[in-house]
Amino acid sequence: MSNKAFVGYEYQELTVKSGMLSVYADGYENFGWKLEDTTFPSGKPDSVVMRLKRDRKIRNKTELNRLQRQFDAIASDIVSLESSKRVKASIFAYIVGIVGTAFMAGSVFSVTAGQIFPCILLAIPAFIGWSLPYFLYRYIEKNRIVAVTPLIDSKYDELYAVCEKANGLLDQAG
């Protein structure tokens, strides 16, 4: 028989974006958590469920929990900034496409009313409104990436600082 000491664990399930899985897995180790399992939930193709556990009697638990909440908030900010790269570009592209469609509807109504000149006049901005969104999307996305990348980098620096503090607390406990 082995004289293995009893360890009581607390468990946590966390759903994160697939792209942030390694950030969370590495970061949560600094709060005393060990990754047990990952699964992909149905209905959320871009998410991963992480199952974690840690010793219930870990020292500095209150401070580790506070730092963990701070970690979660910063990681959430990073996810928001990452998605903001595409959201603004998508909104403008959709608006231009819808305006182009409205002009095309006007053009169709003009031709059915037998008015050829307004039909041609409305068709020109309609085709522009249908071809412009792709290029507009790429342009806005590129500019947004340039603007947001330094912010994301600074958030990652904050994230690593929080992990470093938490790791220092774990070292004190050991």
N, C-alpha and C. Protein backbone atom coordinates (compact mmCIF):
# COMPACT_ATOMS: atom_id res chain seq x y z
N MET A 1 0.83 -1.18 0.00
CA MET A 1 0.00 0.00 0.00
C MET A 1 0.88 1.25 0.00
N SER A 2 0.44 2.24 -0.73
CA SER A 2 1.20 3.49 -0.77
C SER A 2 0.63 4.46 0.25
N ASN A 3 1.48 5.31 0.78
CA ASN A 3 1.07 6.31 1.75
C ASN A 3 0.83 7.64 1.03
N LYS A 4 -0.06 7.63 0.10
CA LYS A 4 -0.35 8.82 -0.68
C LYS A 4 -1.30 9.72 0.12
N ALA A 5 -0.96 10.99 0.25
CA ALA A 5 -1.78 11.93 1.00
C ALA A 5 -3.04 12.28 0.21
N PHE A 6 -4.12 12.47 0.96
CA PHE A 6 -5.38 12.84 0.33
C PHE A 6 -5.32 14.30 -0.15
N VAL A 7 -5.82 14.50 -1.36
CA VAL A 7 -5.92 15.86 -1.91
C VAL A 7 -7.35 16.05 -2.39
N GLY A 8 -8.02 17.06 -1.84
CA GLY A 8 -9.36 17.41 -2.30
C GLY A 8 -9.25 18.45 -3.40
N TYR A 9 -9.99 18.26 -4.45
CA TYR A 9 -9.90 19.17 -5.60
C TYR A 9 -11.18 19.98 -5.75
N GLU A 10 -11.03 21.16 -6.32
CA GLU A 10 -12.17 21.92 -6.80
C GLU A 10 -12.08 21.90 -8.32
N TYR A 11 -13.25 21.94 -8.94
CA TYR A 11 -13.31 21.80 -10.40
C TYR A 11 -13.96 23.02 -11.02
N GLN A 12 -13.58 23.27 -12.26
CA GLN A 12 -14.14 24.39 -12.99
C GLN A 12 -14.26 24.01 -14.45
N GLU A 13 -15.38 24.42 -15.05
CA GLU A 13 -15.57 24.27 -16.48
C GLU A 13 -15.61 25.65 -17.09
N LEU A 14 -14.88 25.83 -18.15
CA LEU A 14 -14.72 27.15 -18.75
C LEU A 14 -14.90 27.03 -20.26
N THR A 15 -15.76 27.86 -20.84
CA THR A 15 -15.95 27.88 -22.29
C THR A 15 -15.21 29.09 -22.85
N VAL A 16 -14.29 28.83 -23.76
CA VAL A 16 -13.46 29.90 -24.34
C VAL A 16 -13.46 29.77 -25.86
N LYS A 17 -13.07 30.86 -26.53
CA LYS A 17 -12.91 30.83 -27.98
C LYS A 17 -11.74 29.90 -28.32
N SER A 18 -11.86 29.19 -29.42
CA SER A 18 -10.83 28.23 -29.82
C SER A 18 -9.46 28.88 -29.94
N GLY A 19 -9.41 30.09 -30.46
CA GLY A 19 -8.15 30.79 -30.64
C GLY A 19 -7.47 31.18 -29.33
N MET A 20 -8.22 31.19 -28.24
CA MET A 20 -7.68 31.58 -26.93
C MET A 20 -7.40 30.36 -26.04
N LEU A 21 -7.58 29.16 -26.55
CA LEU A 21 -7.40 27.96 -25.74
C LEU A 21 -6.03 27.89 -25.09
N SER A 22 -4.97 28.07 -25.86
CA SER A 22 -3.62 27.95 -25.30
C SER A 22 -3.33 29.08 -24.32
N VAL A 23 -3.88 30.28 -24.57
CA VAL A 23 -3.67 31.40 -23.65
C VAL A 23 -4.29 31.06 -22.29
N TYR A 24 -5.53 30.53 -22.32
CA TYR A 24 -6.19 30.15 -21.08
C TYR A 24 -5.51 28.96 -20.41
N ALA A 25 -5.13 27.96 -21.19
CA ALA A 25 -4.49 26.78 -20.61
C ALA A 25 -3.18 27.16 -19.93
N ASP A 26 -2.36 27.97 -20.58
CA ASP A 26 -1.10 28.40 -19.98
C ASP A 26 -1.34 29.34 -18.81
N GLY A 27 -2.28 30.27 -18.98
CA GLY A 27 -2.54 31.26 -17.94
C GLY A 27 -3.11 30.65 -16.67
N TYR A 28 -4.06 29.74 -16.81
CA TYR A 28 -4.71 29.16 -15.64
C TYR A 28 -3.78 28.28 -14.81
N GLU A 29 -2.71 27.78 -15.41
CA GLU A 29 -1.71 27.05 -14.62
C GLU A 29 -1.11 27.93 -13.53
N ASN A 30 -1.00 29.22 -13.82
CA ASN A 30 -0.44 30.17 -12.85
C ASN A 30 -1.37 30.43 -11.68
N PHE A 31 -2.61 30.01 -11.78
CA PHE A 31 -3.57 30.15 -10.69
C PHE A 31 -3.78 28.82 -9.97
N GLY A 32 -2.95 27.84 -10.30
CA GLY A 32 -3.02 26.54 -9.63
C GLY A 32 -3.89 25.52 -10.33
N TRP A 33 -4.49 25.86 -11.44
CA TRP A 33 -5.38 24.95 -12.16
C TRP A 33 -4.58 24.01 -13.05
N LYS A 34 -5.08 22.80 -13.17
CA LYS A 34 -4.51 21.81 -14.10
C LYS A 34 -5.59 21.44 -15.11
N LEU A 35 -5.22 21.47 -16.38
CA LEU A 35 -6.17 21.15 -17.45
C LEU A 35 -6.41 19.65 -17.47
N GLU A 36 -7.65 19.25 -17.31
CA GLU A 36 -8.03 17.84 -17.32
C GLU A 36 -8.45 17.36 -18.70
N ASP A 37 -9.27 18.20 -19.37
CA ASP A 37 -9.88 17.74 -20.62
C ASP A 37 -10.38 18.95 -21.41
N THR A 38 -10.47 18.80 -22.69
CA THR A 38 -11.11 19.81 -23.54
C THR A 38 -12.09 19.12 -24.47
N THR A 39 -13.23 19.76 -24.69
CA THR A 39 -14.23 19.24 -25.63
C THR A 39 -14.77 20.40 -26.46
N PHE A 40 -15.34 20.05 -27.59
CA PHE A 40 -15.94 21.04 -28.46
C PHE A 40 -17.46 20.94 -28.33
N PRO A 41 -18.11 21.98 -27.79
CA PRO A 41 -19.56 21.90 -27.60
C PRO A 41 -20.30 21.97 -28.92
N SER A 42 -21.41 21.25 -28.99
CA SER A 42 -22.21 21.32 -30.22
C SER A 42 -22.94 22.65 -30.25
N GLY A 43 -23.07 23.21 -31.42
CA GLY A 43 -23.74 24.49 -31.57
C GLY A 43 -22.82 25.69 -31.44
N LYS A 44 -21.59 25.48 -31.00
CA LYS A 44 -20.61 26.57 -30.88
C LYS A 44 -19.31 26.12 -31.55
N PRO A 45 -19.22 26.25 -32.86
CA PRO A 45 -18.05 25.72 -33.57
C PRO A 45 -16.74 26.44 -33.26
N ASP A 46 -16.81 27.67 -32.75
CA ASP A 46 -15.58 28.41 -32.47
C ASP A 46 -15.23 28.43 -30.98
N SER A 47 -15.84 27.52 -30.20
CA SER A 47 -15.60 27.49 -28.76
C SER A 47 -15.07 26.14 -28.31
N VAL A 48 -14.42 26.16 -27.15
CA VAL A 48 -13.89 24.95 -26.53
C VAL A 48 -14.26 24.99 -25.05
N VAL A 49 -14.66 23.83 -24.52
CA VAL A 49 -14.93 23.73 -23.09
C VAL A 49 -13.70 23.11 -22.43
N MET A 50 -13.16 23.83 -21.45
CA MET A 50 -11.99 23.36 -20.71
C MET A 50 -12.47 22.87 -19.35
N ARG A 51 -11.99 21.70 -18.94
CA ARG A 51 -12.28 21.19 -17.61
C ARG A 51 -10.98 21.24 -16.81
N LEU A 52 -11.04 21.96 -15.69
CA LEU A 52 -9.85 22.22 -14.88
C LEU A 52 -10.06 21.74 -13.45
N LYS A 53 -8.95 21.48 -12.76
CA LYS A 53 -9.03 21.16 -11.34
C LYS A 53 -7.82 21.74 -10.64
N ARG A 54 -7.99 21.99 -9.31
CA ARG A 54 -6.88 22.42 -8.48
C ARG A 54 -7.15 22.03 -7.04
N ASP A 55 -6.09 22.02 -6.27
CA ASP A 55 -6.15 21.67 -4.85
C ASP A 55 -7.05 22.66 -4.11
N ARG A 56 -8.00 22.15 -3.34
CA ARG A 56 -8.92 23.02 -2.59
C ARG A 56 -8.20 23.82 -1.51
N LYS A 57 -7.12 23.28 -1.00
CA LYS A 57 -6.43 23.92 0.11
C LYS A 57 -5.21 24.72 -0.35
N ILE A 58 -5.26 25.21 -1.55
CA ILE A 58 -4.15 25.98 -2.09
C ILE A 58 -4.01 27.28 -1.28
N ARG A 59 -2.79 27.68 -1.03
CA ARG A 59 -2.56 28.92 -0.29
C ARG A 59 -2.80 30.13 -1.17
N ASN A 60 -3.06 31.26 -0.54
CA ASN A 60 -3.30 32.53 -1.25
C ASN A 60 -4.48 32.43 -2.21
N LYS A 61 -5.46 31.59 -1.85
CA LYS A 61 -6.59 31.33 -2.76
C LYS A 61 -7.39 32.60 -3.07
N THR A 62 -7.61 33.44 -2.08
CA THR A 62 -8.39 34.66 -2.29
C THR A 62 -7.71 35.57 -3.30
N GLU A 63 -6.42 35.78 -3.11
CA GLU A 63 -5.67 36.65 -4.03
C GLU A 63 -5.57 36.01 -5.41
N LEU A 64 -5.40 34.70 -5.47
CA LEU A 64 -5.35 34.00 -6.75
C LEU A 64 -6.69 34.15 -7.49
N ASN A 65 -7.80 34.05 -6.75
CA ASN A 65 -9.11 34.21 -7.38
C ASN A 65 -9.30 35.63 -7.91
N ARG A 66 -8.82 36.61 -7.16
CA ARG A 66 -8.91 38.00 -7.61
C ARG A 66 -8.10 38.20 -8.90
N LEU A 67 -6.89 37.68 -8.90
CA LEU A 67 -6.04 37.79 -10.10
C LEU A 67 -6.64 37.01 -11.27
N GLN A 68 -7.29 35.90 -10.97
CA GLN A 68 -7.93 35.11 -12.02
C GLN A 68 -9.08 35.89 -12.66
N ARG A 69 -9.87 36.60 -11.86
CA ARG A 69 -10.94 37.44 -12.41
C ARG A 69 -10.35 38.55 -13.28
N GLN A 70 -9.24 39.10 -12.84
CA GLN A 70 -8.55 40.13 -13.62
C GLN A 70 -8.07 39.54 -14.95
N PHE A 71 -7.51 38.34 -14.90
CA PHE A 71 -7.07 37.62 -16.10
C PHE A 71 -8.24 37.44 -17.06
N ASP A 72 -9.39 36.99 -16.52
CA ASP A 72 -10.57 36.75 -17.36
C ASP A 72 -11.04 38.04 -18.03
N ALA A 73 -11.01 39.16 -17.29
CA ALA A 73 -11.45 40.44 -17.85
C ALA A 73 -10.52 40.89 -18.98
N ILE A 74 -9.23 40.74 -18.77
CA ILE A 74 -8.26 41.15 -19.81
C ILE A 74 -8.39 40.25 -21.03
N ALA A 75 -8.55 38.94 -20.81
CA ALA A 75 -8.71 38.01 -21.93
C ALA A 75 -9.99 38.33 -22.71
N SER A 76 -11.04 38.71 -22.00
CA SER A 76 -12.28 39.10 -22.66
C SER A 76 -12.07 40.36 -23.51
N ASP A 77 -11.28 41.30 -22.99
CA ASP A 77 -10.95 42.50 -23.77
C ASP A 77 -10.20 42.14 -25.05
N ILE A 78 -9.29 41.18 -24.94
CA ILE A 78 -8.51 40.75 -26.12
C ILE A 78 -9.44 40.15 -27.17
N VAL A 79 -10.38 39.30 -26.73
CA VAL A 79 -11.33 38.69 -27.67
C VAL A 79 -12.17 39.77 -28.34
N SER A 80 -12.61 40.76 -27.56
CA SER A 80 -13.41 41.86 -28.13
C SER A 80 -12.61 42.66 -29.15
N LEU A 81 -11.36 42.95 -28.82
CA LEU A 81 -10.52 43.71 -29.75
C LEU A 81 -10.26 42.91 -31.03
N GLU A 82 -10.04 41.61 -30.88
CA GLU A 82 -9.82 40.76 -32.06
C GLU A 82 -11.04 40.77 -32.98
N SER A 83 -12.23 40.65 -32.38
CA SER A 83 -13.43 40.63 -33.22
C SER A 83 -13.74 42.01 -33.80
N SER A 84 -13.30 43.08 -33.13
CA SER A 84 -13.56 44.42 -33.64
C SER A 84 -12.83 44.69 -34.95
N LYS A 85 -11.82 43.90 -35.25
CA LYS A 85 -11.10 44.06 -36.52
C LYS A 85 -12.05 43.86 -37.70
N ARG A 86 -12.97 42.92 -37.55
CA ARG A 86 -13.85 42.57 -38.66
C ARG A 86 -15.25 43.18 -38.57
N VAL A 87 -15.69 43.52 -37.38
CA VAL A 87 -17.07 43.98 -37.21
C VAL A 87 -17.31 45.30 -37.93
N LYS A 88 -16.47 46.28 -37.71
CA LYS A 88 -16.66 47.59 -38.35
C LYS A 88 -16.61 47.46 -39.87
N ALA A 89 -15.67 46.68 -40.37
CA ALA A 89 -15.55 46.48 -41.82
C ALA A 89 -16.79 45.79 -42.37
N SER A 90 -17.30 44.82 -41.64
CA SER A 90 -18.51 44.12 -42.09
C SER A 90 -19.71 45.04 -42.13
N ILE A 91 -19.86 45.87 -41.11
CA ILE A 91 -21.00 46.79 -41.06
C ILE A 91 -21.01 47.72 -42.27
N PHE A 92 -19.86 48.32 -42.55
CA PHE A 92 -19.81 49.23 -43.69
C PHE A 92 -20.03 48.50 -45.01
N ALA A 93 -19.48 47.31 -45.15
CA ALA A 93 -19.66 46.55 -46.38
C ALA A 93 -21.14 46.17 -46.57
N TYR A 94 -21.80 45.75 -45.51
CA TYR A 94 -23.22 45.40 -45.61
C TYR A 94 -24.07 46.62 -45.96
N ILE A 95 -23.77 47.76 -45.35
CA ILE A 95 -24.54 48.97 -45.63
C ILE A 95 -24.41 49.36 -47.10
N VAL A 96 -23.18 49.35 -47.61
CA VAL A 96 -22.97 49.71 -49.02
C VAL A 96 -23.68 48.70 -49.93
N GLY A 97 -23.64 47.42 -49.58
CA GLY A 97 -24.33 46.40 -50.37
C GLY A 97 -25.83 46.59 -50.37
N ILE A 98 -26.39 46.95 -49.22
CA ILE A 98 -27.83 47.18 -49.13
C ILE A 98 -28.24 48.42 -49.93
N VAL A 99 -27.43 49.47 -49.85
CA VAL A 99 -27.72 50.67 -50.63
C VAL A 99 -27.66 50.34 -52.13
N GLY A 100 -26.69 49.54 -52.53
CA GLY A 100 -26.61 49.11 -53.93
C GLY A 100 -27.83 48.31 -54.34
N THR A 101 -28.32 47.48 -53.44
CA THR A 101 -29.52 46.69 -53.72
C THR A 101 -30.75 47.59 -53.85
N ALA A 102 -30.80 48.62 -53.02
CA ALA A 102 -31.92 49.57 -53.12
C ALA A 102 -31.91 50.29 -54.48
N PHE A 103 -30.72 50.67 -54.93
CA PHE A 103 -30.63 51.29 -56.25
C PHE A 103 -31.05 50.31 -57.35
N MET A 104 -30.68 49.03 -57.19
CA MET A 104 -31.07 48.03 -58.19
C MET A 104 -32.58 47.83 -58.18
N ALA A 105 -33.18 47.87 -56.99
CA ALA A 105 -34.64 47.75 -56.92
C ALA A 105 -35.29 48.93 -57.65
N GLY A 106 -34.75 50.13 -57.45
CA GLY A 106 -35.27 51.29 -58.18
C GLY A 106 -35.10 51.14 -59.67
N SER A 107 -33.98 50.57 -60.07
CA SER A 107 -33.73 50.35 -61.50
C SER A 107 -34.73 49.36 -62.08
N VAL A 108 -35.02 48.30 -61.35
CA VAL A 108 -35.98 47.30 -61.83
C VAL A 108 -37.38 47.91 -61.91
N PHE A 109 -37.75 48.68 -60.91
CA PHE A 109 -39.07 49.33 -60.94
C PHE A 109 -39.16 50.31 -62.13
N SER A 110 -38.05 50.97 -62.43
CA SER A 110 -38.04 51.91 -63.56
C SER A 110 -38.23 51.18 -64.88
N VAL A 111 -37.57 50.06 -65.05
CA VAL A 111 -37.69 49.32 -66.32
C VAL A 111 -39.08 48.72 -66.45
N THR A 112 -39.68 48.29 -65.35
CA THR A 112 -41.03 47.74 -65.45
C THR A 112 -42.06 48.83 -65.73
N ALA A 113 -41.70 50.08 -65.38
CA ALA A 113 -42.59 51.21 -65.69
C ALA A 113 -42.33 51.75 -67.08
N GLY A 114 -41.36 51.16 -67.77
CA GLY A 114 -41.07 51.57 -69.13
C GLY A 114 -40.16 52.78 -69.23
N GLN A 115 -39.48 53.12 -68.18
CA GLN A 115 -38.60 54.28 -68.18
C GLN A 115 -37.14 53.79 -68.21
N ILE A 116 -36.55 53.80 -69.39
CA ILE A 116 -35.21 53.25 -69.60
C ILE A 116 -34.11 54.15 -69.02
N PHE A 117 -34.22 55.46 -69.22
CA PHE A 117 -33.16 56.36 -68.73
C PHE A 117 -33.00 56.29 -67.20
N PRO A 118 -34.06 56.37 -66.39
CA PRO A 118 -33.88 56.22 -64.94
C PRO A 118 -33.36 54.82 -64.56
N CYS A 119 -33.75 53.83 -65.36
CA CYS A 119 -33.26 52.46 -65.11
C CYS A 119 -31.75 52.41 -65.23
N ILE A 120 -31.20 52.99 -66.28
CA ILE A 120 -29.75 53.01 -66.48
C ILE A 120 -29.08 53.87 -65.43
N LEU A 121 -29.69 55.00 -65.14
CA LEU A 121 -29.15 55.92 -64.14
C LEU A 121 -29.07 55.26 -62.75
N LEU A 122 -30.05 54.47 -62.40
CA LEU A 122 -30.06 53.79 -61.09
C LEU A 122 -29.20 52.52 -61.08
N ALA A 123 -29.02 51.90 -62.24
CA ALA A 123 -28.24 50.66 -62.32
C ALA A 123 -26.75 50.90 -62.07
N ILE A 124 -26.25 52.08 -62.47
CA ILE A 124 -24.82 52.36 -62.30
C ILE A 124 -24.42 52.36 -60.83
N PRO A 125 -25.09 53.14 -59.94
CA PRO A 125 -24.71 53.05 -58.52
C PRO A 125 -25.05 51.69 -57.90
N ALA A 126 -26.03 50.99 -58.50
CA ALA A 126 -26.36 49.65 -57.98
C ALA A 126 -25.19 48.69 -58.18
N PHE A 127 -24.62 48.68 -59.38
CA PHE A 127 -23.49 47.79 -59.63
C PHE A 127 -22.25 48.21 -58.82
N ILE A 128 -22.08 49.52 -58.66
CA ILE A 128 -20.98 49.99 -57.80
C ILE A 128 -21.21 49.53 -56.37
N GLY A 129 -22.47 49.63 -55.91
CA GLY A 129 -22.81 49.21 -54.55
C GLY A 129 -22.68 47.71 -54.34
N TRP A 130 -22.72 46.95 -55.41
CA TRP A 130 -22.54 45.50 -55.28
C TRP A 130 -21.07 45.09 -55.40
N SER A 131 -20.26 45.86 -56.10
CA SER A 131 -18.85 45.47 -56.26
C SER A 131 -17.93 46.14 -55.24
N LEU A 132 -18.32 47.26 -54.70
CA LEU A 132 -17.49 48.01 -53.76
C LEU A 132 -17.32 47.35 -52.38
N PRO A 133 -18.32 46.64 -51.84
CA PRO A 133 -18.19 46.14 -50.47
C PRO A 133 -16.95 45.29 -50.20
N TYR A 134 -16.56 44.45 -51.14
CA TYR A 134 -15.38 43.61 -50.92
C TYR A 134 -14.14 44.47 -50.69
N PHE A 135 -13.93 45.44 -51.56
CA PHE A 135 -12.75 46.30 -51.46
C PHE A 135 -12.84 47.20 -50.23
N LEU A 136 -14.02 47.69 -49.92
CA LEU A 136 -14.24 48.50 -48.73
C LEU A 136 -13.95 47.70 -47.46
N TYR A 137 -14.42 46.45 -47.45
CA TYR A 137 -14.17 45.57 -46.31
C TYR A 137 -12.68 45.39 -46.08
N ARG A 138 -11.96 45.06 -47.13
CA ARG A 138 -10.51 44.83 -47.02
C ARG A 138 -9.78 46.10 -46.54
N TYR A 139 -10.16 47.24 -47.06
CA TYR A 139 -9.52 48.50 -46.69
C TYR A 139 -9.76 48.84 -45.21
N ILE A 140 -11.01 48.77 -44.79
CA ILE A 140 -11.34 49.10 -43.40
C ILE A 140 -10.72 48.08 -42.44
N GLU A 141 -10.76 46.81 -42.81
CA GLU A 141 -10.18 45.77 -41.95
C GLU A 141 -8.67 46.00 -41.79
N LYS A 142 -7.99 46.32 -42.87
CA LYS A 142 -6.55 46.57 -42.80
C LYS A 142 -6.23 47.75 -41.89
N ASN A 143 -6.98 48.83 -42.03
CA ASN A 143 -6.77 50.00 -41.16
C ASN A 143 -7.10 49.69 -39.71
N ARG A 144 -8.13 48.91 -39.50
CA ARG A 144 -8.52 48.55 -38.12
C ARG A 144 -7.47 47.64 -37.47
N ILE A 145 -6.89 46.75 -38.25
CA ILE A 145 -5.84 45.87 -37.72
C ILE A 145 -4.64 46.70 -37.28
N VAL A 146 -4.27 47.69 -38.10
CA VAL A 146 -3.15 48.57 -37.75
C VAL A 146 -3.45 49.33 -36.46
N ALA A 147 -4.69 49.77 -36.29
CA ALA A 147 -5.06 50.56 -35.11
C ALA A 147 -5.17 49.69 -33.85
N VAL A 148 -5.64 48.46 -33.99
CA VAL A 148 -5.96 47.63 -32.83
C VAL A 148 -4.79 46.77 -32.36
N THR A 149 -3.88 46.43 -33.24
CA THR A 149 -2.78 45.54 -32.88
C THR A 149 -1.95 46.04 -31.69
N PRO A 150 -1.59 47.32 -31.61
CA PRO A 150 -0.86 47.77 -30.42
C PRO A 150 -1.68 47.64 -29.13
N LEU A 151 -2.99 47.86 -29.22
CA LEU A 151 -3.85 47.69 -28.05
C LEU A 151 -3.89 46.23 -27.59
N ILE A 152 -3.97 45.33 -28.56
CA ILE A 152 -3.98 43.90 -28.23
C ILE A 152 -2.65 43.50 -27.59
N ASP A 153 -1.55 43.99 -28.14
CA ASP A 153 -0.23 43.68 -27.57
C ASP A 153 -0.12 44.19 -26.14
N SER A 154 -0.64 45.38 -25.86
CA SER A 154 -0.57 45.91 -24.49
C SER A 154 -1.45 45.09 -23.56
N LYS A 155 -2.59 44.60 -24.05
CA LYS A 155 -3.46 43.74 -23.23
C LYS A 155 -2.75 42.42 -22.91
N TYR A 156 -2.02 41.87 -23.89
CA TYR A 156 -1.26 40.65 -23.63
C TYR A 156 -0.17 40.91 -22.57
N ASP A 157 0.46 42.09 -22.62
CA ASP A 157 1.44 42.43 -21.59
C ASP A 157 0.80 42.47 -20.21
N GLU A 158 -0.40 43.06 -20.12
CA GLU A 158 -1.14 43.08 -18.85
C GLU A 158 -1.45 41.66 -18.39
N LEU A 159 -1.87 40.83 -19.34
CA LEU A 159 -2.22 39.44 -19.04
C LEU A 159 -1.03 38.70 -18.46
N TYR A 160 0.13 38.87 -19.08
CA TYR A 160 1.33 38.19 -18.60
C TYR A 160 1.78 38.73 -17.25
N ALA A 161 1.57 40.01 -16.99
CA ALA A 161 1.91 40.58 -15.68
C ALA A 161 1.04 39.96 -14.59
N VAL A 162 -0.25 39.78 -14.87
CA VAL A 162 -1.16 39.15 -13.91
C VAL A 162 -0.73 37.70 -13.66
N CYS A 163 -0.38 36.99 -14.72
CA CYS A 163 0.07 35.60 -14.57
C CYS A 163 1.36 35.52 -13.77
N GLU A 164 2.24 36.48 -13.98
CA GLU A 164 3.51 36.51 -13.24
C GLU A 164 3.26 36.72 -11.75
N LYS A 165 2.34 37.63 -11.40
CA LYS A 165 1.98 37.85 -9.99
C LYS A 165 1.40 36.58 -9.38
N ALA A 166 0.48 35.95 -10.12
CA ALA A 166 -0.15 34.73 -9.62
C ALA A 166 0.87 33.62 -9.44
N ASN A 167 1.77 33.50 -10.39
CA ASN A 167 2.81 32.48 -10.28
C ASN A 167 3.69 32.74 -9.08
N GLY A 168 3.98 34.00 -8.78
CA GLY A 168 4.75 34.35 -7.59
C GLY A 168 4.02 33.92 -6.33
N LEU A 169 2.70 34.06 -6.30
CA LEU A 169 1.93 33.61 -5.13
C LEU A 169 1.97 32.10 -5.00
N LEU A 170 1.94 31.39 -6.12
CA LEU A 170 2.04 29.92 -6.07
C LEU A 170 3.41 29.49 -5.54
N ASP A 171 4.47 30.21 -5.97
CA ASP A 171 5.81 29.88 -5.50
C ASP A 171 5.92 30.10 -3.99
N GLN A 172 5.26 31.14 -3.46
CA GLN A 172 5.27 31.40 -2.03
C GLN A 172 4.57 30.28 -1.27
N ALA A 173 3.55 29.70 -1.91
CA ALA A 173 2.78 28.67 -1.24
C ALA A 173 3.55 27.36 -1.15
N GLY A 174 4.47 27.16 -2.08
CA GLY A 174 5.17 25.88 -2.15
C GLY A 174 6.30 25.74 -1.21
